[in-house]
Amino acid sequence: MSIRSQYLKIKSMKDSELVQLYNPYASTIRFEKFLKQNNLLTAKTKKIIDIGSGIGSNLQYFSKKNDKIKFTCSDYGQKRISLARKLNKNSNIEFIDTEANFIHLKILKKKNIPFTQKVLFQ
């Protein structure tokens, strides 16, 4: 079953994350504008890490528009990350299953990667 047919099947479920795979919310688009206006999403951006990304709906939108950036989605739920891997086939997205998001903060400190509240940049 194609992702598009899966989307049509689950659209009636009104799961906002699944719907966003094909129809990004206005808030996602506004967030993109915010990132660009604050020079957080530029030609120099190499990596973006989204902690608590669920199934990666937001980063799928960003990764399609920014194919030179490496995106990492993390979530503590194995089922959500497994679903994210099935639904997101963009080669510039990596999925990480974590038991707790604070693990990422330790990694970021070691690598000296700056971050904002939810989405992390380098």
N, C-alpha and C. Protein backbone atom coordinates (compact mmCIF):
# COMPACT_ATOMS: atom_id res chain seq x y z
N MET A 1 0.85 -1.18 0.00
CA MET A 1 0.00 0.00 0.00
C MET A 1 0.90 1.24 0.00
N SER A 2 0.66 2.17 -0.90
CA SER A 2 1.48 3.38 -0.98
C SER A 2 1.20 4.29 0.21
N ILE A 3 2.13 5.20 0.45
CA ILE A 3 1.94 6.16 1.54
C ILE A 3 0.71 7.01 1.27
N ARG A 4 0.51 7.38 0.02
CA ARG A 4 -0.66 8.20 -0.32
C ARG A 4 -1.95 7.45 0.00
N SER A 5 -2.03 6.17 -0.34
CA SER A 5 -3.26 5.42 -0.05
C SER A 5 -3.41 5.21 1.45
N GLN A 6 -2.29 5.05 2.16
CA GLN A 6 -2.35 4.97 3.62
C GLN A 6 -2.92 6.27 4.19
N TYR A 7 -2.45 7.39 3.63
CA TYR A 7 -2.93 8.69 4.08
C TYR A 7 -4.43 8.81 3.88
N LEU A 8 -4.91 8.43 2.71
CA LEU A 8 -6.34 8.54 2.43
C LEU A 8 -7.14 7.66 3.37
N LYS A 9 -6.60 6.51 3.70
CA LYS A 9 -7.29 5.59 4.60
C LYS A 9 -7.36 6.14 6.02
N ILE A 10 -6.28 6.78 6.46
CA ILE A 10 -6.24 7.24 7.85
C ILE A 10 -6.71 8.68 8.02
N LYS A 11 -6.95 9.37 6.93
CA LYS A 11 -7.39 10.77 7.02
C LYS A 11 -8.65 10.89 7.86
N SER A 12 -9.53 9.92 7.73
CA SER A 12 -10.77 9.96 8.49
C SER A 12 -10.53 9.79 9.99
N MET A 13 -9.36 9.27 10.36
CA MET A 13 -9.03 9.10 11.77
C MET A 13 -8.74 10.44 12.44
N LYS A 14 -8.41 11.45 11.65
CA LYS A 14 -8.11 12.79 12.13
C LYS A 14 -6.92 12.82 13.07
N ASP A 15 -5.97 11.95 12.85
CA ASP A 15 -4.72 12.01 13.59
C ASP A 15 -3.90 13.14 12.98
N SER A 16 -3.70 14.19 13.72
CA SER A 16 -3.09 15.40 13.17
C SER A 16 -1.70 15.14 12.60
N GLU A 17 -0.92 14.29 13.24
CA GLU A 17 0.42 14.02 12.72
C GLU A 17 0.37 13.34 11.36
N LEU A 18 -0.51 12.40 11.20
CA LEU A 18 -0.63 11.68 9.93
C LEU A 18 -1.14 12.60 8.83
N VAL A 19 -2.10 13.44 9.15
CA VAL A 19 -2.64 14.38 8.17
C VAL A 19 -1.54 15.35 7.73
N GLN A 20 -0.68 15.75 8.66
CA GLN A 20 0.38 16.71 8.34
C GLN A 20 1.42 16.17 7.37
N LEU A 21 1.49 14.88 7.19
CA LEU A 21 2.45 14.34 6.23
C LEU A 21 2.22 14.90 4.83
N TYR A 22 0.97 15.19 4.49
CA TYR A 22 0.65 15.70 3.16
C TYR A 22 0.10 17.12 3.17
N ASN A 23 -0.36 17.58 4.31
CA ASN A 23 -0.92 18.93 4.42
C ASN A 23 -0.35 19.59 5.68
N PRO A 24 0.84 20.20 5.56
CA PRO A 24 1.43 20.81 6.75
C PRO A 24 0.53 21.91 7.31
N TYR A 25 0.48 21.96 8.62
CA TYR A 25 -0.32 22.98 9.28
C TYR A 25 0.28 24.36 9.04
N ALA A 26 -0.55 25.37 9.13
CA ALA A 26 -0.09 26.75 9.00
C ALA A 26 0.97 27.04 10.06
N SER A 27 0.85 26.42 11.23
CA SER A 27 1.84 26.66 12.30
C SER A 27 3.22 26.13 11.90
N THR A 28 3.26 25.04 11.15
CA THR A 28 4.54 24.50 10.67
C THR A 28 5.18 25.47 9.68
N ILE A 29 4.38 26.03 8.81
CA ILE A 29 4.88 26.98 7.83
C ILE A 29 5.33 28.27 8.52
N ARG A 30 4.57 28.72 9.52
CA ARG A 30 4.98 29.91 10.29
C ARG A 30 6.27 29.65 11.04
N PHE A 31 6.43 28.43 11.56
CA PHE A 31 7.65 28.08 12.28
C PHE A 31 8.85 28.14 11.33
N GLU A 32 8.66 27.67 10.11
CA GLU A 32 9.72 27.74 9.12
C GLU A 32 10.11 29.20 8.86
N LYS A 33 9.13 30.07 8.73
CA LYS A 33 9.41 31.50 8.53
C LYS A 33 10.16 32.08 9.72
N PHE A 34 9.75 31.69 10.92
CA PHE A 34 10.44 32.15 12.14
C PHE A 34 11.91 31.72 12.12
N LEU A 35 12.16 30.48 11.76
CA LEU A 35 13.54 29.97 11.72
C LEU A 35 14.38 30.76 10.73
N LYS A 36 13.80 31.03 9.57
CA LYS A 36 14.54 31.78 8.55
C LYS A 36 14.77 33.23 8.97
N GLN A 37 13.77 33.85 9.55
CA GLN A 37 13.90 35.24 9.98
C GLN A 37 14.94 35.40 11.08
N ASN A 38 15.14 34.37 11.87
CA ASN A 38 16.10 34.42 12.97
C ASN A 38 17.42 33.74 12.62
N ASN A 39 17.62 33.53 11.32
CA ASN A 39 18.87 32.93 10.80
C ASN A 39 19.20 31.58 11.42
N LEU A 40 18.17 30.80 11.71
CA LEU A 40 18.36 29.45 12.25
C LEU A 40 18.22 28.40 11.15
N LEU A 41 17.67 28.80 10.03
CA LEU A 41 17.52 27.91 8.88
C LEU A 41 18.08 28.65 7.68
N THR A 42 19.37 28.43 7.42
CA THR A 42 20.08 29.15 6.36
C THR A 42 20.83 28.15 5.48
N ALA A 43 21.51 28.66 4.49
CA ALA A 43 22.33 27.81 3.63
C ALA A 43 23.48 27.18 4.41
N LYS A 44 23.83 27.76 5.55
CA LYS A 44 24.93 27.23 6.38
C LYS A 44 24.46 26.13 7.35
N THR A 45 23.15 25.99 7.52
CA THR A 45 22.62 24.98 8.43
C THR A 45 22.94 23.59 7.89
N LYS A 46 23.57 22.77 8.72
CA LYS A 46 23.96 21.42 8.29
C LYS A 46 23.10 20.33 8.93
N LYS A 47 22.66 20.57 10.17
CA LYS A 47 21.89 19.55 10.89
C LYS A 47 20.76 20.20 11.68
N ILE A 48 19.65 19.49 11.75
CA ILE A 48 18.55 19.88 12.63
C ILE A 48 18.09 18.61 13.34
N ILE A 49 17.98 18.72 14.66
CA ILE A 49 17.51 17.59 15.48
C ILE A 49 16.19 18.01 16.12
N ASP A 50 15.17 17.18 15.95
CA ASP A 50 13.87 17.44 16.54
C ASP A 50 13.65 16.42 17.65
N ILE A 51 13.62 16.89 18.89
CA ILE A 51 13.40 16.02 20.04
C ILE A 51 11.91 15.97 20.32
N GLY A 52 11.39 14.75 20.45
CA GLY A 52 9.96 14.57 20.67
C GLY A 52 9.20 14.75 19.37
N SER A 53 9.75 14.21 18.29
CA SER A 53 9.22 14.46 16.95
C SER A 53 8.03 13.58 16.58
N GLY A 54 7.69 12.63 17.43
CA GLY A 54 6.57 11.74 17.08
C GLY A 54 6.90 10.96 15.83
N ILE A 55 6.04 11.05 14.82
CA ILE A 55 6.27 10.31 13.58
C ILE A 55 7.00 11.15 12.53
N GLY A 56 7.48 12.32 12.91
CA GLY A 56 8.32 13.13 12.02
C GLY A 56 7.60 13.95 10.98
N SER A 57 6.35 14.27 11.22
CA SER A 57 5.58 15.03 10.23
C SER A 57 6.21 16.38 9.89
N ASN A 58 6.63 17.11 10.92
CA ASN A 58 7.22 18.43 10.67
C ASN A 58 8.52 18.31 9.90
N LEU A 59 9.37 17.38 10.29
CA LEU A 59 10.66 17.28 9.62
C LEU A 59 10.53 16.71 8.20
N GLN A 60 9.48 15.96 7.95
CA GLN A 60 9.28 15.52 6.57
C GLN A 60 9.05 16.75 5.70
N TYR A 61 8.25 17.68 6.17
CA TYR A 61 8.01 18.92 5.44
C TYR A 61 9.32 19.68 5.23
N PHE A 62 10.10 19.86 6.30
CA PHE A 62 11.36 20.59 6.21
C PHE A 62 12.38 19.88 5.32
N SER A 63 12.45 18.55 5.42
CA SER A 63 13.47 17.81 4.68
C SER A 63 13.23 17.85 3.18
N LYS A 64 11.99 17.90 2.77
CA LYS A 64 11.69 18.00 1.34
C LYS A 64 12.14 19.34 0.77
N LYS A 65 12.03 20.38 1.57
CA LYS A 65 12.39 21.72 1.11
C LYS A 65 13.87 22.04 1.31
N ASN A 66 14.55 21.25 2.13
CA ASN A 66 15.95 21.52 2.47
C ASN A 66 16.75 20.22 2.37
N ASP A 67 16.98 19.76 1.16
CA ASP A 67 17.57 18.45 0.96
C ASP A 67 19.06 18.38 1.29
N LYS A 68 19.71 19.50 1.55
CA LYS A 68 21.13 19.47 1.92
C LYS A 68 21.34 19.42 3.43
N ILE A 69 20.26 19.54 4.18
CA ILE A 69 20.33 19.48 5.64
C ILE A 69 20.06 18.06 6.10
N LYS A 70 20.82 17.60 7.09
CA LYS A 70 20.62 16.28 7.71
C LYS A 70 19.68 16.47 8.89
N PHE A 71 18.55 15.78 8.88
CA PHE A 71 17.54 15.88 9.93
C PHE A 71 17.57 14.63 10.80
N THR A 72 17.43 14.82 12.09
CA THR A 72 17.32 13.71 13.02
C THR A 72 16.03 13.86 13.81
N CYS A 73 15.20 12.83 13.76
CA CYS A 73 13.97 12.78 14.54
C CYS A 73 14.20 11.86 15.72
N SER A 74 13.83 12.31 16.89
CA SER A 74 13.94 11.43 18.05
C SER A 74 12.63 11.42 18.82
N ASP A 75 12.31 10.26 19.34
CA ASP A 75 11.15 10.11 20.20
C ASP A 75 11.40 8.91 21.09
N TYR A 76 10.78 8.89 22.23
CA TYR A 76 11.02 7.79 23.17
C TYR A 76 10.14 6.58 22.89
N GLY A 77 9.20 6.70 21.98
CA GLY A 77 8.30 5.59 21.71
C GLY A 77 8.73 4.77 20.51
N GLN A 78 9.08 3.52 20.74
CA GLN A 78 9.53 2.63 19.66
C GLN A 78 8.47 2.50 18.57
N LYS A 79 7.20 2.42 18.95
CA LYS A 79 6.13 2.28 17.95
C LYS A 79 6.05 3.51 17.06
N ARG A 80 6.20 4.68 17.64
CA ARG A 80 6.11 5.92 16.86
C ARG A 80 7.30 6.05 15.91
N ILE A 81 8.48 5.69 16.38
CA ILE A 81 9.66 5.76 15.53
C ILE A 81 9.57 4.71 14.41
N SER A 82 9.06 3.53 14.72
CA SER A 82 8.88 2.51 13.68
C SER A 82 7.92 3.00 12.60
N LEU A 83 6.83 3.63 13.02
CA LEU A 83 5.87 4.18 12.07
C LEU A 83 6.52 5.32 11.28
N ALA A 84 7.30 6.14 11.95
CA ALA A 84 8.00 7.25 11.27
C ALA A 84 8.91 6.73 10.17
N ARG A 85 9.63 5.66 10.45
CA ARG A 85 10.53 5.07 9.44
C ARG A 85 9.75 4.57 8.23
N LYS A 86 8.57 4.03 8.46
CA LYS A 86 7.76 3.52 7.35
C LYS A 86 7.18 4.65 6.51
N LEU A 87 6.78 5.73 7.16
CA LEU A 87 6.09 6.82 6.47
C LEU A 87 7.02 7.84 5.83
N ASN A 88 8.21 8.00 6.37
CA ASN A 88 9.16 9.00 5.88
C ASN A 88 10.32 8.31 5.17
N LYS A 89 10.37 8.48 3.88
CA LYS A 89 11.41 7.81 3.10
C LYS A 89 12.49 8.78 2.59
N ASN A 90 12.48 10.00 3.08
CA ASN A 90 13.49 10.97 2.65
C ASN A 90 14.86 10.54 3.16
N SER A 91 15.83 10.52 2.28
CA SER A 91 17.16 10.02 2.65
C SER A 91 17.91 10.93 3.62
N ASN A 92 17.46 12.16 3.80
CA ASN A 92 18.15 13.07 4.71
C ASN A 92 17.51 13.12 6.10
N ILE A 93 16.68 12.11 6.42
CA ILE A 93 16.09 12.01 7.76
C ILE A 93 16.58 10.73 8.43
N GLU A 94 17.05 10.87 9.65
CA GLU A 94 17.45 9.74 10.48
C GLU A 94 16.49 9.68 11.67
N PHE A 95 16.15 8.48 12.11
CA PHE A 95 15.22 8.31 13.23
C PHE A 95 15.93 7.63 14.39
N ILE A 96 15.74 8.18 15.58
CA ILE A 96 16.37 7.65 16.78
C ILE A 96 15.29 7.36 17.81
N ASP A 97 15.31 6.15 18.33
CA ASP A 97 14.41 5.77 19.41
C ASP A 97 15.16 5.99 20.72
N THR A 98 14.63 6.83 21.57
CA THR A 98 15.27 7.08 22.87
C THR A 98 14.29 6.78 23.99
N GLU A 99 14.83 6.37 25.11
CA GLU A 99 13.96 6.13 26.26
C GLU A 99 13.58 7.43 26.94
N ALA A 100 14.45 8.41 26.84
CA ALA A 100 14.16 9.71 27.44
C ALA A 100 14.90 10.79 26.65
N ASN A 101 14.24 11.89 26.45
CA ASN A 101 14.83 12.95 25.64
C ASN A 101 16.07 13.58 26.27
N PHE A 102 16.23 13.49 27.57
CA PHE A 102 17.39 14.11 28.20
C PHE A 102 18.70 13.48 27.73
N ILE A 103 18.65 12.27 27.21
CA ILE A 103 19.85 11.63 26.66
C ILE A 103 20.43 12.49 25.55
N HIS A 104 19.57 13.08 24.73
CA HIS A 104 20.03 13.91 23.63
C HIS A 104 20.77 15.15 24.13
N LEU A 105 20.30 15.70 25.23
CA LEU A 105 20.95 16.90 25.75
C LEU A 105 22.40 16.60 26.15
N LYS A 106 22.64 15.42 26.69
CA LYS A 106 24.01 15.03 27.02
C LYS A 106 24.87 14.92 25.76
N ILE A 107 24.30 14.34 24.71
CA ILE A 107 25.01 14.20 23.43
C ILE A 107 25.32 15.58 22.86
N LEU A 108 24.33 16.46 22.91
CA LEU A 108 24.51 17.81 22.35
C LEU A 108 25.59 18.58 23.09
N LYS A 109 25.62 18.43 24.40
CA LYS A 109 26.66 19.12 25.18
C LYS A 109 28.04 18.65 24.75
N LYS A 110 28.19 17.35 24.57
CA LYS A 110 29.48 16.80 24.16
C LYS A 110 29.89 17.29 22.79
N LYS A 111 28.93 17.42 21.88
CA LYS A 111 29.23 17.84 20.51
C LYS A 111 29.15 19.35 20.33
N ASN A 112 28.79 20.07 21.40
CA ASN A 112 28.69 21.52 21.37
C ASN A 112 27.74 22.00 20.27
N ILE A 113 26.56 21.39 20.18
CA ILE A 113 25.56 21.76 19.19
C ILE A 113 24.56 22.71 19.86
N PRO A 114 24.39 23.91 19.31
CA PRO A 114 23.40 24.84 19.89
C PRO A 114 21.99 24.33 19.68
N PHE A 115 21.08 24.72 20.55
CA PHE A 115 19.70 24.27 20.38
C PHE A 115 18.73 25.29 20.92
N THR A 116 17.50 25.22 20.42
CA THR A 116 16.39 26.01 20.95
C THR A 116 15.43 25.01 21.56
N GLN A 117 14.33 25.50 22.05
CA GLN A 117 13.41 24.71 22.85
C GLN A 117 13.16 23.30 22.36
N LYS A 118 12.75 23.11 21.12
CA LYS A 118 12.42 21.77 20.65
C LYS A 118 13.29 21.34 19.47
N VAL A 119 13.55 22.23 18.56
CA VAL A 119 14.30 21.87 17.37
C VAL A 119 15.73 22.35 17.56
N LEU A 120 16.66 21.49 17.25
CA LEU A 120 18.07 21.77 17.49
C LEU A 120 18.81 21.96 16.18
N PHE A 121 19.75 22.88 16.18
CA PHE A 121 20.41 23.25 14.94
C PHE A 121 21.92 23.14 15.05
N GLN A 122 22.55 22.94 13.92
CA GLN A 122 24.00 23.07 13.84
C GLN A 122 24.34 23.65 12.49
